[in-house]
Amino acid sequence: MNFKLSNFGELRNTALHQFWRLISGPFIIFLVPVYLSSEEQGYWYLIISVGAIAAFADFGFSTILMQFSAHEFAFLKFNTNNEIEGVQESKSKLSSLFIFACKWTGIVTAVMLPVTYAIGFLLLGNSNTEVDWKLPWLLYNIGAFISFGNSIVLSFFEGCDSVKQIQGKRLKISIVSTGIIIFCLLFNYGLLALSIGLLVSSIYGAYILYRRYSKNIHDFYVLNSEYYYNWGPEIFVLLRRYIISWSSGYIIFQLFTPIMFHFHGAIEAGKLGMSIAIFTAIFSVSNIWTTSIIPKINISIAKSEFLSLNKIFNRHFTFTIITYLFGSLTFYFVYFTFRQEFEFFERLLGIKSLFLLNLGWFAQLIVHNLSIYLRSHKEEPLLLPSILSAGYVCCSTYLAGRYLSIDFFLIGFVTLFLWLLPWVILIFRRKKISNALSLGIH
């Protein structure tokens, strides 16, 4: 298989989606301090952080689903009528996989929705405030779990070599969400802007997915009634490891704001949340190069085409690094040029903290991309690194928040990669050598 840089349509739609997030995210970031008080800003980012508990409903299942659907779709294709055709066994297994995913999603949602709401209610209510956060938190939860259901369907069809179509739909959902949030902020809905934006865009997402894939979904149910494949043993073995890894990831990336809130209050938590949002945007845009080829990576592995796999991965990974460095330099140029002229920059962390955050996200960018390559083999070799990373970041951040100045609050996040990054690189190199040996290459 001879891959070019990337399929133009896939890269274009992925780039458009991330570009929209790049421009819409900062725009909302600029509006938040204008239309919310400093305390409300803290709750805004706290709801986002605590709301990420809903990611536990996923447990990495959407990633696993994309991998498995891509491996089955390696011997299938969509025809001009948007129908799936090819090897019958693969088609039947793909149908069974979709039904399995739907059942799993229903069970997890029924269990996790009330649990997540209750946990958030306890965490958010652990302070005296006049900020009305209860209704926004309820609506945010409902929207988050509808979005979770959408993400399962999106991941499944994205694995079916449909990155172009799925990224187009993600773009539409993102535009609706951003538009509603901006509208609600402008009309002084406060924290409700965040919740209404997520809820309405999630409902819209469910509608466009049904309109596009309802016939495919119907065909899956028909095929599944005639053919049964037990996906449980294959998926649950991997999912158990993913649950631990993804829980560890939550600890690493979502506890910063709550810990800052606990030790330094809502205002500093809001500064941290806004600063994280900026570098998260740069991180996300940089990843368009690898995000657009994830199904191709999985398909190459399913066909044991490791030379093509390494070629396309190395090329796109290089562009990912270049994009992140360019985005970071652009941010610092804007920061130092305009920080005296706009009050917005006073809502960010100090320059020392920003640099630490930037450096930490750069190291995470490398780890994230290498993990895509590794996990596409339907394996989870990063279980132990993830567990140790979560423990290290949790303890170091708590101690930094308690005993150090705000400038060094993120020191644990940065020093994590002094030992994690070499470890992950070593695992990555071993996997590439293993793939080469399987082809008889020495």
Protein backbone atom coordinates (compact mmCIF):
# COMPACT_ATOMS: atom_id res chain seq x y z
CA MET A 1 0.00 0.00 0.00
CA ASN A 2 1.54 3.31 -1.06
CA PHE A 3 0.30 6.13 1.14
CA LYS A 4 0.70 9.73 0.14
CA LEU A 5 1.06 12.43 2.79
CA SER A 6 -2.60 11.84 3.59
CA ASN A 7 -5.87 11.60 1.80
CA PHE A 8 -6.65 15.22 1.00
CA GLY A 9 -10.29 15.04 2.05
CA GLU A 10 -9.45 13.44 5.38
CA LEU A 11 -6.71 15.93 6.18
CA ARG A 12 -8.81 18.86 4.96
CA ASN A 13 -11.85 18.05 7.11
CA THR A 14 -9.70 17.21 10.12
CA ALA A 15 -7.79 20.48 9.64
CA LEU A 16 -11.02 22.46 9.24
CA HIS A 17 -12.44 20.92 12.40
CA GLN A 18 -9.33 21.66 14.43
CA PHE A 19 -8.93 25.10 12.85
CA TRP A 20 -12.48 25.93 13.87
CA ARG A 21 -11.67 24.80 17.40
CA LEU A 22 -8.50 26.89 17.26
CA ILE A 23 -10.33 30.11 16.43
CA SER A 24 -13.56 29.45 18.32
CA GLY A 25 -11.84 28.28 21.50
CA PRO A 26 -9.79 31.47 21.99
CA PHE A 27 -12.83 33.57 21.05
CA ILE A 28 -14.83 31.97 23.84
CA ILE A 29 -11.81 32.33 26.12
CA PHE A 30 -11.86 36.07 25.39
CA LEU A 31 -15.62 36.29 26.04
CA VAL A 32 -15.57 34.39 29.33
CA PRO A 33 -13.80 37.11 31.37
CA VAL A 34 -15.97 39.78 29.71
CA TYR A 35 -19.35 38.23 30.55
CA LEU A 36 -18.49 36.26 33.69
CA SER A 37 -17.09 37.38 37.01
CA SER A 38 -13.76 36.04 38.16
CA GLU A 39 -15.54 33.59 40.46
CA GLU A 40 -17.91 32.45 37.71
CA GLN A 41 -14.91 31.95 35.44
CA GLY A 42 -13.47 29.62 38.06
CA TYR A 43 -16.69 27.61 38.14
CA TRP A 44 -16.81 27.56 34.33
CA TYR A 45 -13.50 25.72 34.10
CA LEU A 46 -14.23 23.69 37.23
CA ILE A 47 -17.42 22.33 35.62
CA ILE A 48 -15.39 21.40 32.54
CA SER A 49 -12.79 19.62 34.67
CA VAL A 50 -15.26 17.84 36.93
CA GLY A 51 -17.48 17.12 33.92
CA ALA A 52 -14.60 15.17 32.45
CA ILE A 53 -15.55 12.48 34.97
CA ALA A 54 -18.08 11.56 32.28
CA ALA A 55 -15.07 10.39 30.28
CA PHE A 56 -14.99 7.49 32.71
CA ALA A 57 -18.11 6.28 30.92
CA ASP A 58 -15.88 5.82 27.89
CA PHE A 59 -12.99 4.09 29.67
CA GLY A 60 -11.14 4.17 26.34
CA PHE A 61 -13.92 2.13 24.72
CA SER A 62 -14.32 4.53 21.78
CA THR A 63 -10.61 4.18 20.95
CA ILE A 64 -10.82 0.39 21.16
CA LEU A 65 -13.95 0.45 19.01
CA MET A 66 -12.22 2.51 16.33
CA GLN A 67 -9.31 0.08 16.30
CA PHE A 68 -11.50 -3.02 16.03
CA SER A 69 -13.80 -1.54 13.37
CA ALA A 70 -10.74 -0.48 11.33
CA HIS A 71 -9.25 -3.96 11.54
CA GLU A 72 -12.52 -5.52 10.28
CA PHE A 73 -13.06 -2.81 7.66
CA ALA A 74 -9.60 -3.54 6.17
CA PHE A 75 -11.36 -6.02 3.87
CA LEU A 76 -14.51 -3.95 3.23
CA LYS A 77 -15.49 -0.68 1.56
CA PHE A 78 -18.40 1.71 1.06
CA ASN A 79 -20.01 1.61 -2.39
CA THR A 80 -21.55 4.58 -4.17
CA ASN A 81 -24.85 4.03 -2.30
CA ASN A 82 -23.08 4.29 1.06
CA GLU A 83 -23.54 0.56 1.62
CA ILE A 84 -20.77 -1.60 3.06
CA GLU A 85 -19.59 -4.42 0.82
CA GLY A 86 -16.73 -6.91 0.74
CA VAL A 87 -15.77 -10.11 2.56
CA GLN A 88 -18.98 -11.43 4.14
CA GLU A 89 -17.34 -12.67 7.33
CA SER A 90 -15.79 -9.25 7.98
CA LYS A 91 -19.11 -7.55 7.25
CA SER A 92 -20.95 -9.83 9.67
CA LYS A 93 -18.34 -9.32 12.37
CA LEU A 94 -18.48 -5.56 11.83
CA SER A 95 -22.27 -5.64 12.27
CA SER A 96 -21.95 -7.67 15.45
CA LEU A 97 -19.33 -5.23 16.74
CA PHE A 98 -21.67 -2.26 16.26
CA ILE A 99 -24.54 -3.93 18.13
CA PHE A 100 -22.15 -4.91 20.91
CA ALA A 101 -21.03 -1.26 21.16
CA CYS A 102 -24.62 0.00 21.35
CA LYS A 103 -25.53 -2.39 24.17
CA TRP A 104 -22.40 -1.51 26.10
CA THR A 105 -23.08 2.22 25.70
CA GLY A 106 -26.63 1.87 27.02
CA ILE A 107 -25.51 -0.05 30.11
CA VAL A 108 -22.65 2.31 30.94
CA THR A 109 -24.82 5.42 30.51
CA ALA A 110 -27.52 4.07 32.82
CA VAL A 111 -24.92 3.34 35.52
CA MET A 112 -22.57 6.32 35.16
CA LEU A 113 -24.95 9.25 34.62
CA PRO A 114 -26.34 9.39 38.19
CA VAL A 115 -22.93 8.56 39.67
CA THR A 116 -21.19 11.33 37.76
CA TYR A 117 -23.87 13.86 38.66
CA ALA A 118 -23.65 12.99 42.35
CA ILE A 119 -19.84 13.21 42.44
CA GLY A 120 -19.87 16.57 40.71
CA PHE A 121 -22.60 17.84 43.01
CA LEU A 122 -20.44 17.06 46.03
CA LEU A 123 -17.27 18.57 44.55
CA LEU A 124 -18.87 21.74 43.18
CA GLY A 125 -20.87 22.35 46.33
CA ASN A 126 -17.83 22.18 48.60
CA SER A 127 -17.62 25.96 49.04
CA ASN A 128 -19.74 28.95 49.98
CA THR A 129 -20.67 30.89 46.86
CA GLU A 130 -23.47 32.91 45.34
CA VAL A 131 -22.75 31.43 41.89
CA ASP A 132 -25.75 29.45 40.62
CA TRP A 133 -24.09 26.25 39.38
CA LYS A 134 -26.72 23.54 40.09
CA LEU A 135 -28.87 23.76 36.92
CA PRO A 136 -25.82 24.27 34.67
CA TRP A 137 -24.23 21.16 36.18
CA LEU A 138 -27.36 19.06 35.63
CA LEU A 139 -27.73 20.13 31.98
CA TYR A 140 -24.00 19.71 31.39
CA ASN A 141 -24.21 16.11 32.61
CA ILE A 142 -27.12 15.25 30.33
CA GLY A 143 -25.37 16.81 27.36
CA ALA A 144 -22.11 15.04 28.20
CA PHE A 145 -23.73 11.61 28.10
CA ILE A 146 -25.59 12.27 24.86
CA SER A 147 -22.22 13.39 23.50
CA PHE A 148 -20.72 10.15 24.81
CA GLY A 149 -23.26 8.12 22.82
CA ASN A 150 -22.48 10.17 19.74
CA SER A 151 -18.74 9.64 20.21
CA ILE A 152 -19.22 5.86 20.17
CA VAL A 153 -21.03 5.99 16.81
CA LEU A 154 -18.55 8.52 15.43
CA SER A 155 -15.56 6.40 16.48
CA PHE A 156 -17.07 3.26 14.95
CA PHE A 157 -17.62 4.80 11.53
CA GLU A 158 -14.36 6.74 11.68
CA GLY A 159 -12.65 3.37 12.02
CA CYS A 160 -14.43 2.32 8.83
CA ASP A 161 -12.00 4.54 6.92
CA SER A 162 -14.48 7.44 7.04
CA VAL A 163 -12.32 10.13 8.60
CA LYS A 164 -13.39 12.67 5.97
CA GLN A 165 -17.11 12.20 6.64
CA ILE A 166 -16.83 11.94 10.41
CA GLN A 167 -14.56 14.95 10.80
CA GLY A 168 -17.06 16.90 8.71
CA LYS A 169 -19.78 15.96 11.18
CA ARG A 170 -17.59 16.79 14.15
CA LEU A 171 -17.04 20.20 12.58
CA LYS A 172 -20.79 20.82 12.25
CA ILE A 173 -21.40 19.79 15.87
CA SER A 174 -18.56 22.05 17.03
CA ILE A 175 -19.94 25.02 15.07
CA VAL A 176 -23.39 24.57 16.63
CA SER A 177 -21.89 24.26 20.12
CA THR A 178 -19.71 27.35 19.72
CA GLY A 179 -22.52 29.40 18.21
CA ILE A 180 -24.88 28.61 21.07
CA ILE A 181 -22.26 29.28 23.76
CA ILE A 182 -21.43 32.67 22.22
CA PHE A 183 -25.11 33.57 21.85
CA CYS A 184 -25.84 32.65 25.47
CA LEU A 185 -22.83 34.55 26.78
CA LEU A 186 -23.80 37.66 24.84
CA PHE A 187 -27.29 37.50 26.36
CA ASN A 188 -25.95 36.98 29.87
CA TYR A 189 -26.93 33.36 30.49
CA GLY A 190 -23.80 32.94 32.61
CA LEU A 191 -22.76 29.34 33.33
CA LEU A 192 -25.84 28.10 31.47
CA ALA A 193 -24.09 29.09 28.23
CA LEU A 194 -21.65 26.22 28.69
CA SER A 195 -24.36 23.67 29.49
CA ILE A 196 -26.86 24.70 26.84
CA GLY A 197 -24.14 24.71 24.19
CA LEU A 198 -23.15 21.14 24.99
CA LEU A 199 -26.71 19.84 25.36
CA VAL A 200 -28.11 21.31 22.14
CA SER A 201 -25.06 20.44 20.04
CA SER A 202 -25.19 16.86 21.34
CA ILE A 203 -28.83 16.51 20.35
CA TYR A 204 -28.00 17.95 16.94
CA GLY A 205 -25.11 15.50 16.62
CA ALA A 206 -27.41 12.56 17.30
CA TYR A 207 -29.78 13.83 14.61
CA ILE A 208 -27.17 14.16 11.84
CA LEU A 209 -25.68 10.76 12.67
CA TYR A 210 -29.10 9.13 12.41
CA ARG A 211 -29.80 10.89 9.12
CA ARG A 212 -26.49 9.74 7.61
CA TYR A 213 -26.13 6.22 8.97
CA SER A 214 -29.66 5.01 9.75
CA LYS A 215 -29.65 2.60 6.79
CA ASN A 216 -26.26 1.16 7.76
CA ILE A 217 -27.43 0.77 11.36
CA HIS A 218 -30.60 -1.01 10.18
CA ASP A 219 -28.48 -3.37 8.06
CA PHE A 220 -26.26 -4.07 11.07
CA TYR A 221 -29.27 -5.14 13.13
CA VAL A 222 -30.52 -7.40 10.33
CA LEU A 223 -27.11 -9.04 9.89
CA ASN A 224 -26.64 -9.41 13.62
CA SER A 225 -29.88 -11.40 13.87
CA GLU A 226 -28.35 -13.91 11.43
CA TYR A 227 -24.78 -13.95 12.76
CA TYR A 228 -23.36 -13.73 16.25
CA TYR A 229 -19.77 -13.09 17.27
CA ASN A 230 -18.75 -12.87 20.90
CA TRP A 231 -16.66 -9.71 21.13
CA GLY A 232 -16.58 -9.75 24.92
CA PRO A 233 -13.40 -11.80 25.47
CA GLU A 234 -11.36 -9.78 22.96
CA ILE A 235 -12.58 -6.35 23.97
CA PHE A 236 -12.86 -6.74 27.73
CA VAL A 237 -9.30 -8.02 28.10
CA LEU A 238 -8.09 -4.82 26.44
CA LEU A 239 -10.74 -2.63 28.07
CA ARG A 240 -9.68 -3.62 31.58
CA ARG A 241 -6.23 -2.26 30.84
CA TYR A 242 -7.68 0.83 29.15
CA ILE A 243 -9.89 1.58 32.16
CA ILE A 244 -6.82 1.89 34.34
CA SER A 245 -4.90 3.89 31.73
CA TRP A 246 -7.76 6.28 31.06
CA SER A 247 -8.49 6.73 34.75
CA SER A 248 -4.82 7.59 35.18
CA GLY A 249 -5.10 10.05 32.29
CA TYR A 250 -8.01 11.77 34.00
CA ILE A 251 -5.96 12.20 37.15
CA ILE A 252 -3.09 13.67 35.18
CA PHE A 253 -5.07 16.18 33.12
CA GLN A 254 -8.25 16.98 35.04
CA LEU A 255 -7.22 17.34 38.68
CA PHE A 256 -5.12 20.46 38.18
CA THR A 257 -8.07 22.87 38.28
CA PRO A 258 -9.85 21.27 41.29
CA ILE A 259 -6.58 21.19 43.29
CA MET A 260 -5.87 24.82 42.39
CA PHE A 261 -9.47 25.66 43.35
CA HIS A 262 -8.99 23.94 46.72
CA PHE A 263 -5.74 25.67 47.69
CA HIS A 264 -5.92 29.02 45.89
CA GLY A 265 -9.60 29.70 45.15
CA ALA A 266 -11.87 30.15 42.14
CA ILE A 267 -9.98 33.07 40.57
CA GLU A 268 -6.65 31.26 40.31
CA ALA A 269 -8.47 28.10 39.19
CA GLY A 270 -10.02 30.15 36.40
CA LYS A 271 -6.58 31.41 35.32
CA LEU A 272 -5.27 27.86 35.25
CA GLY A 273 -8.29 26.59 33.32
CA MET A 274 -7.96 29.32 30.71
CA SER A 275 -4.21 28.72 30.34
CA ILE A 276 -4.74 24.99 29.93
CA ALA A 277 -7.43 25.69 27.31
CA ILE A 278 -4.94 27.67 25.19
CA PHE A 279 -2.28 24.96 25.08
CA THR A 280 -4.90 22.25 24.71
CA ALA A 281 -6.02 24.06 21.53
CA ILE A 282 -2.45 24.12 20.19
CA PHE A 283 -2.07 20.45 21.12
CA SER A 284 -5.33 19.48 19.37
CA VAL A 285 -4.55 21.37 16.17
CA SER A 286 -1.06 19.85 16.05
CA ASN A 287 -2.56 16.36 16.20
CA ILE A 288 -4.57 16.74 12.98
CA TRP A 289 -1.71 15.06 11.13
CA THR A 290 -1.97 11.81 13.08
CA THR A 291 -5.69 11.98 13.84
CA SER A 292 -6.46 11.95 10.13
CA ILE A 293 -4.59 8.66 9.56
CA ILE A 294 -5.60 6.58 12.59
CA PRO A 295 -7.88 4.28 10.54
CA LYS A 296 -5.11 3.85 7.95
CA ILE A 297 -2.66 2.96 10.72
CA ASN A 298 -5.01 0.26 11.98
CA ILE A 299 -5.74 -1.04 8.48
CA SER A 300 -2.00 -1.27 7.73
CA ILE A 301 -1.49 -3.28 10.90
CA ALA A 302 -4.41 -5.59 10.04
CA LYS A 303 -2.73 -6.29 6.69
CA SER A 304 0.78 -6.51 8.23
CA GLU A 305 2.00 -3.68 5.97
CA PHE A 306 4.49 -2.37 8.52
CA LEU A 307 6.84 -0.62 6.09
CA SER A 308 3.98 1.57 4.84
CA LEU A 309 2.82 2.02 8.44
CA ASN A 310 6.19 3.37 9.58
CA LYS A 311 6.54 5.61 6.56
CA ILE A 312 3.20 7.35 6.95
CA PHE A 313 3.43 7.55 10.75
CA ASN A 314 6.94 9.05 10.79
CA ARG A 315 6.01 11.66 8.20
CA HIS A 316 2.82 12.79 9.95
CA PHE A 317 4.45 12.68 13.38
CA THR A 318 7.14 15.10 12.14
CA PHE A 319 4.48 17.54 10.94
CA THR A 320 2.76 17.23 14.31
CA ILE A 321 5.91 18.36 16.14
CA ILE A 322 6.50 21.24 13.72
CA THR A 323 2.91 22.45 14.08
CA TYR A 324 3.09 22.46 17.88
CA LEU A 325 6.33 24.43 17.93
CA PHE A 326 4.92 26.96 15.47
CA GLY A 327 1.72 27.33 17.51
CA SER A 328 3.69 27.84 20.72
CA LEU A 329 5.92 30.49 19.18
CA THR A 330 2.85 32.27 17.81
CA PHE A 331 1.28 32.33 21.28
CA TYR A 332 4.40 33.82 22.88
CA PHE A 333 4.64 36.45 20.13
CA VAL A 334 1.04 37.52 20.79
CA TYR A 335 1.53 37.37 24.55
CA PHE A 336 4.62 39.58 24.71
CA THR A 337 3.32 41.96 22.04
CA PHE A 338 -0.14 42.64 23.49
CA ARG A 339 -0.05 41.71 27.18
CA GLN A 340 0.17 45.37 28.24
CA GLU A 341 -2.76 46.38 26.06
CA PHE A 342 -5.43 43.79 26.82
CA GLU A 343 -6.87 42.87 30.21
CA PHE A 344 -7.40 39.33 28.91
CA PHE A 345 -3.79 38.37 29.59
CA GLU A 346 -4.28 39.20 33.28
CA ARG A 347 -6.71 36.25 33.40
CA LEU A 348 -3.87 33.84 32.54
CA LEU A 349 -1.21 32.32 34.75
CA GLY A 350 2.19 34.01 35.08
CA ILE A 351 4.82 33.50 32.40
CA LYS A 352 6.73 30.88 34.44
CA SER A 353 3.62 28.75 34.80
CA LEU A 354 2.74 29.22 31.13
CA PHE A 355 6.19 28.01 30.10
CA LEU A 356 5.93 24.94 32.33
CA LEU A 357 2.48 24.17 30.93
CA ASN A 358 3.74 24.58 27.37
CA LEU A 359 6.73 22.31 27.98
CA GLY A 360 4.57 19.66 29.63
CA TRP A 361 2.09 19.62 26.76
CA PHE A 362 4.93 19.28 24.24
CA ALA A 363 6.21 16.17 26.01
CA GLN A 364 2.64 14.87 26.19
CA LEU A 365 2.29 15.44 22.45
CA ILE A 366 5.15 13.02 21.83
CA VAL A 367 3.77 10.43 24.26
CA HIS A 368 0.28 10.75 22.78
CA ASN A 369 1.44 10.15 19.22
CA LEU A 370 3.60 7.19 20.13
CA SER A 371 0.66 5.73 22.08
CA ILE A 372 -1.51 5.95 18.94
CA TYR A 373 1.00 3.79 17.09
CA LEU A 374 1.29 1.30 19.95
CA ARG A 375 -2.42 0.97 20.77
CA SER A 376 -3.35 0.51 17.12
CA HIS A 377 -1.93 -2.99 17.47
CA LYS A 378 -4.94 -3.74 19.71
CA GLU A 379 -2.63 -3.71 22.73
CA GLU A 380 -2.17 -1.52 25.80
CA PRO A 381 1.55 -1.56 26.61
CA LEU A 382 1.36 1.70 28.58
CA LEU A 383 -0.60 0.38 31.55
CA LEU A 384 2.19 0.52 34.13
CA PRO A 385 3.55 3.89 32.89
CA SER A 386 0.02 5.32 33.12
CA ILE A 387 -0.51 4.12 36.69
CA LEU A 388 2.83 5.44 37.91
CA SER A 389 2.30 8.73 36.06
CA ALA A 390 -1.07 9.30 37.71
CA GLY A 391 0.33 8.62 41.17
CA TYR A 392 3.31 10.87 40.57
CA VAL A 393 1.30 13.81 39.19
CA CYS A 394 -1.41 13.54 41.83
CA CYS A 395 1.03 13.56 44.74
CA SER A 396 3.40 16.16 43.30
CA THR A 397 0.60 18.55 42.31
CA TYR A 398 -1.05 18.27 45.72
CA LEU A 399 2.25 18.99 47.46
CA ALA A 400 3.02 21.86 45.07
CA GLY A 401 -0.40 23.36 45.65
CA ARG A 402 -0.02 23.09 49.40
CA TYR A 403 3.58 24.17 49.89
CA LEU A 404 4.86 26.00 46.79
CA SER A 405 3.96 29.25 45.09
CA ILE A 406 1.54 29.28 42.18
CA ASP A 407 4.46 29.70 39.77
CA PHE A 408 5.55 26.13 40.54
CA PHE A 409 2.11 24.54 40.77
CA LEU A 410 2.76 22.57 37.53
CA ILE A 411 6.26 21.38 38.41
CA GLY A 412 5.05 17.80 38.87
CA PHE A 413 3.42 17.76 35.44
CA VAL A 414 6.67 18.82 33.77
CA THR A 415 9.08 16.64 35.73
CA LEU A 416 6.85 13.64 35.02
CA PHE A 417 8.21 13.46 31.49
CA LEU A 418 11.84 13.28 32.61
CA TRP A 419 11.26 9.58 33.25
CA LEU A 420 8.00 8.85 31.39
CA LEU A 421 9.10 10.03 27.94
CA PRO A 422 12.24 7.82 27.71
CA TRP A 423 10.19 4.86 28.92
CA VAL A 424 7.51 5.30 26.25
CA ILE A 425 10.13 5.83 23.52
CA LEU A 426 11.80 2.56 24.53
CA ILE A 427 8.47 0.68 24.29
CA PHE A 428 7.82 2.28 20.91
CA ARG A 429 11.22 1.27 19.51
CA ARG A 430 10.75 -2.30 20.69
CA LYS A 431 7.39 -2.52 18.90
CA LYS A 432 8.89 -1.21 15.64
CA ILE A 433 11.69 -3.78 15.88
CA SER A 434 9.12 -6.52 16.55
CA ASN A 435 7.13 -5.48 13.47
CA ALA A 436 10.29 -5.50 11.34
CA LEU A 437 11.26 -8.96 12.57
CA SER A 438 7.78 -10.29 11.70
CA LEU A 439 8.50 -9.32 8.09
CA GLY A 440 11.97 -10.90 8.17
CA ILE A 441 13.73 -7.52 8.20
CA HIS A 442 16.90 -7.40 10.30
